[in-house]
N, C-alpha and C. Protein backbone atom coordinates (compact mmCIF):
# COMPACT_ATOMS: atom_id res chain seq x y z
N UNK A 1 1.07 -1.39 0.04
CA UNK A 1 0.13 -0.04 -0.02
C UNK A 1 1.14 1.27 0.45
N UNK A 2 1.64 1.25 0.57
CA UNK A 2 2.85 2.43 0.87
C UNK A 2 3.27 3.11 -0.37
N UNK A 3 3.69 2.00 -1.33
CA UNK A 3 4.29 2.56 -3.02
C UNK A 3 3.05 2.60 -3.75
N UNK A 4 1.45 2.26 -2.98
CA UNK A 4 0.08 3.57 -4.48
C UNK A 4 0.71 4.74 -3.58
N UNK A 5 0.71 4.61 -2.48
CA UNK A 5 0.91 6.11 -1.69
C UNK A 5 1.62 6.95 -2.71
N UNK A 6 2.82 7.01 -2.84
CA UNK A 6 4.00 6.74 -2.70
C UNK A 6 3.67 7.44 -4.42
N UNK A 7 2.98 6.38 -5.55
CA UNK A 7 3.10 6.40 -6.85
C UNK A 7 2.28 7.62 -7.51
N UNK A 8 1.10 7.55 -6.13
CA UNK A 8 0.16 8.35 -6.40
C UNK A 8 0.39 10.39 -6.22
N UNK A 9 1.31 10.25 -5.21
CA UNK A 9 1.95 11.73 -4.67
C UNK A 9 2.77 12.40 -6.14
N UNK A 10 3.68 11.07 -6.29
CA UNK A 10 4.33 11.62 -7.49
C UNK A 10 3.22 12.05 -8.38
N UNK A 11 2.60 11.19 -9.01
CA UNK A 11 1.60 11.30 -10.08
C UNK A 11 1.20 12.38 -10.61
N UNK A 12 0.73 12.99 -8.73
CA UNK A 12 -0.47 14.09 -8.25
C UNK A 12 0.80 15.98 -8.44
N UNK A 13 2.27 15.42 -8.32
CA UNK A 13 2.95 16.40 -7.88
C UNK A 13 3.48 16.57 -9.71
N UNK A 14 3.00 16.00 -10.45
CA UNK A 14 3.78 15.89 -11.88
C UNK A 14 2.48 16.86 -12.35
N UNK A 15 1.09 16.35 -11.91
CA UNK A 15 -0.16 17.18 -12.83
C UNK A 15 0.41 18.75 -12.34
N UNK A 16 0.61 18.67 -10.95
CA UNK A 16 0.54 20.29 -10.37
C UNK A 16 1.36 20.55 -11.26
N UNK A 17 2.75 20.33 -11.63
CA UNK A 17 4.07 21.02 -11.99
C UNK A 17 2.94 21.26 -13.34
N UNK A 18 2.77 20.53 -14.00
CA UNK A 18 2.07 20.85 -15.25
C UNK A 18 0.92 21.79 -15.41
N UNK A 19 0.22 21.66 -14.65
CA UNK A 19 -0.85 22.92 -14.08
C UNK A 19 0.24 24.47 -14.06
N UNK A 20 1.09 24.02 -13.17
CA UNK A 20 1.94 25.24 -13.33
C UNK A 20 2.51 25.96 -14.31
N UNK A 21 2.86 25.07 -15.41
CA UNK A 21 3.52 25.60 -16.60
C UNK A 21 2.22 25.83 -17.27
N UNK A 22 1.21 25.45 -17.39
CA UNK A 22 0.28 26.23 -18.26
C UNK A 22 -0.53 27.59 -17.39
N UNK A 23 -0.45 27.62 -16.38
CA UNK A 23 -1.30 28.80 -15.55
C UNK A 23 -0.12 30.03 -15.96
N UNK A 24 1.29 29.61 -15.68
CA UNK A 24 2.29 30.62 -16.21
C UNK A 24 2.99 30.93 -17.30
N UNK A 25 2.88 29.87 -18.19
CA UNK A 25 3.58 29.68 -19.56
C UNK A 25 2.49 29.39 -20.55
N UNK A 26 1.65 29.26 -20.38
CA UNK A 26 0.16 28.55 -21.03
C UNK A 26 1.52 27.35 -22.09
N UNK A 27 1.54 26.82 -21.15
CA UNK A 27 2.31 25.59 -22.07
C UNK A 27 2.21 24.28 -21.20
N UNK A 28 1.90 23.46 -21.93
CA UNK A 28 0.75 22.37 -21.37
C UNK A 28 1.88 21.49 -22.20
N UNK A 29 2.74 19.87 -20.89
CA UNK A 29 4.10 19.45 -21.23
C UNK A 29 3.34 18.05 -21.73
N UNK A 30 2.04 17.47 -21.51
CA UNK A 30 1.76 16.36 -21.66
C UNK A 30 0.91 16.76 -22.98
N UNK A 31 0.45 17.60 -23.12
CA UNK A 31 -0.68 17.82 -24.92
C UNK A 31 1.06 17.97 -25.47
N UNK A 32 2.25 18.72 -25.04
CA UNK A 32 3.40 18.34 -26.16
C UNK A 32 3.72 17.33 -26.12
N UNK A 33 3.83 16.79 -25.52
CA UNK A 33 4.45 15.23 -25.68
C UNK A 33 3.83 14.12 -26.23
N UNK A 34 2.23 14.36 -26.50
CA UNK A 34 1.51 13.50 -26.78
C UNK A 34 0.77 14.12 -28.00
N UNK A 35 1.21 15.33 -28.58
CA UNK A 35 0.76 15.79 -29.67
C UNK A 35 -0.46 16.70 -29.60
N UNK A 36 -1.05 17.41 -28.63
CA UNK A 36 -1.94 17.86 -28.54
C UNK A 36 -3.46 16.88 -27.19
N UNK A 37 -4.45 17.49 -26.68
CA UNK A 37 -4.96 17.44 -25.44
C UNK A 37 -6.41 16.58 -26.24
N UNK A 38 -6.34 16.34 -27.38
CA UNK A 38 -7.27 15.36 -27.58
C UNK A 38 -6.94 14.02 -28.37
N UNK A 39 -5.60 13.86 -28.20
CA UNK A 39 -4.92 12.97 -28.50
C UNK A 39 -4.90 11.70 -27.00
N UNK A 40 -5.18 10.47 -27.20
CA UNK A 40 -5.30 9.45 -26.45
C UNK A 40 -4.35 9.26 -25.36
N UNK A 41 -2.96 9.57 -25.97
CA UNK A 41 -1.97 9.32 -25.30
C UNK A 41 -2.41 10.50 -24.29
N UNK A 42 -2.44 11.49 -24.35
CA UNK A 42 -2.63 12.84 -23.31
C UNK A 42 -3.84 12.39 -22.77
N UNK A 43 -4.63 12.25 -23.00
CA UNK A 43 -6.26 11.79 -22.28
C UNK A 43 -5.81 10.73 -20.99
N UNK A 44 -5.08 9.67 -21.45
CA UNK A 44 -4.91 8.99 -20.44
C UNK A 44 -4.21 9.28 -19.19
N UNK A 45 -2.89 9.82 -19.58
CA UNK A 45 -2.25 10.62 -18.68
C UNK A 45 -3.15 11.35 -17.74
N UNK A 46 -4.11 12.29 -18.57
CA UNK A 46 -4.60 12.93 -17.31
C UNK A 46 -6.03 12.66 -16.79
N UNK A 47 -6.46 11.18 -17.54
CA UNK A 47 -7.28 9.89 -16.49
C UNK A 47 -6.28 9.95 -15.28
N UNK A 48 -5.04 9.02 -15.70
CA UNK A 48 -4.08 8.31 -14.75
C UNK A 48 -4.07 9.10 -13.78
N UNK A 49 -3.33 10.51 -13.65
CA UNK A 49 -3.25 11.73 -12.76
C UNK A 49 -5.03 12.00 -11.57
N UNK A 50 -5.32 12.01 -13.18
CA UNK A 50 -7.49 12.49 -12.01
C UNK A 50 -6.93 10.79 -11.07
N UNK A 51 -7.06 9.96 -11.25
CA UNK A 51 -7.28 8.50 -10.48
C UNK A 51 -6.29 8.31 -9.13
N UNK A 52 -5.92 9.03 -9.76
CA UNK A 52 -4.42 9.19 -8.41
C UNK A 52 -4.89 10.14 -7.16
N UNK A 53 -5.27 11.51 -8.00
CA UNK A 53 -6.47 12.60 -7.23
C UNK A 53 -7.06 12.01 -6.00
N UNK A 54 -8.12 11.13 -6.98
CA UNK A 54 -9.21 10.46 -6.37
C UNK A 54 -8.65 9.50 -5.61
N UNK A 55 -7.32 8.69 -5.42
CA UNK A 55 -6.78 7.85 -4.34
C UNK A 55 -6.97 8.76 -3.30
N UNK A 56 -5.96 9.51 -3.57
CA UNK A 56 -5.43 10.94 -2.12
C UNK A 56 -6.19 10.91 -1.63
N UNK A 57 -7.47 11.47 -1.98
CA UNK A 57 -8.85 11.54 -1.34
C UNK A 57 -8.79 10.40 -0.04
N UNK A 58 -8.44 9.67 -0.25
CA UNK A 58 -8.98 8.16 0.66
C UNK A 58 -7.63 8.29 1.91
N UNK A 59 -6.88 9.44 1.72
CA UNK A 59 -5.76 9.38 2.44
C UNK A 59 -5.95 10.47 3.58
N UNK A 60 -6.85 11.05 2.68
CA UNK A 60 -7.09 12.68 4.07
C UNK A 60 -7.45 12.41 5.44
N UNK A 61 -8.15 11.06 5.44
CA UNK A 61 -8.35 10.57 6.93
C UNK A 61 -7.21 10.34 8.03
N UNK A 62 -6.10 9.48 6.85
CA UNK A 62 -4.62 9.29 7.66
C UNK A 62 -3.90 10.63 8.02
N UNK A 63 -3.74 11.23 7.18
CA UNK A 63 -3.29 12.75 7.58
C UNK A 63 -3.89 13.54 8.36
N UNK A 64 -5.10 13.50 8.47
CA UNK A 64 -5.55 14.65 9.51
C UNK A 64 -6.09 14.14 11.25
N UNK A 65 -5.89 12.20 11.24
CA UNK A 65 -6.05 11.78 12.04
C UNK A 65 -5.10 12.22 13.05
N UNK A 66 -5.22 12.39 14.51
CA UNK A 66 -4.16 12.71 15.26
C UNK A 66 -4.10 11.55 16.19
N UNK A 67 -3.08 11.06 16.33
CA UNK A 67 -2.42 10.02 16.61
C UNK A 67 -2.26 10.20 18.61
């Protein structure tokens, strides 16, 4: 389970950095790599990052719980 948590965190960070580049420079790294936002590769990456974010929601209870 720990590996899945780390992978999820890495994907969320990469997604956040991509959004930072979109916001600051109007440059979408994922769509540039895969040839556009409508390409299958881009959509797969966006879906994987989104699923990682949904999974991270389940970790919220662990982070906010007091020991």
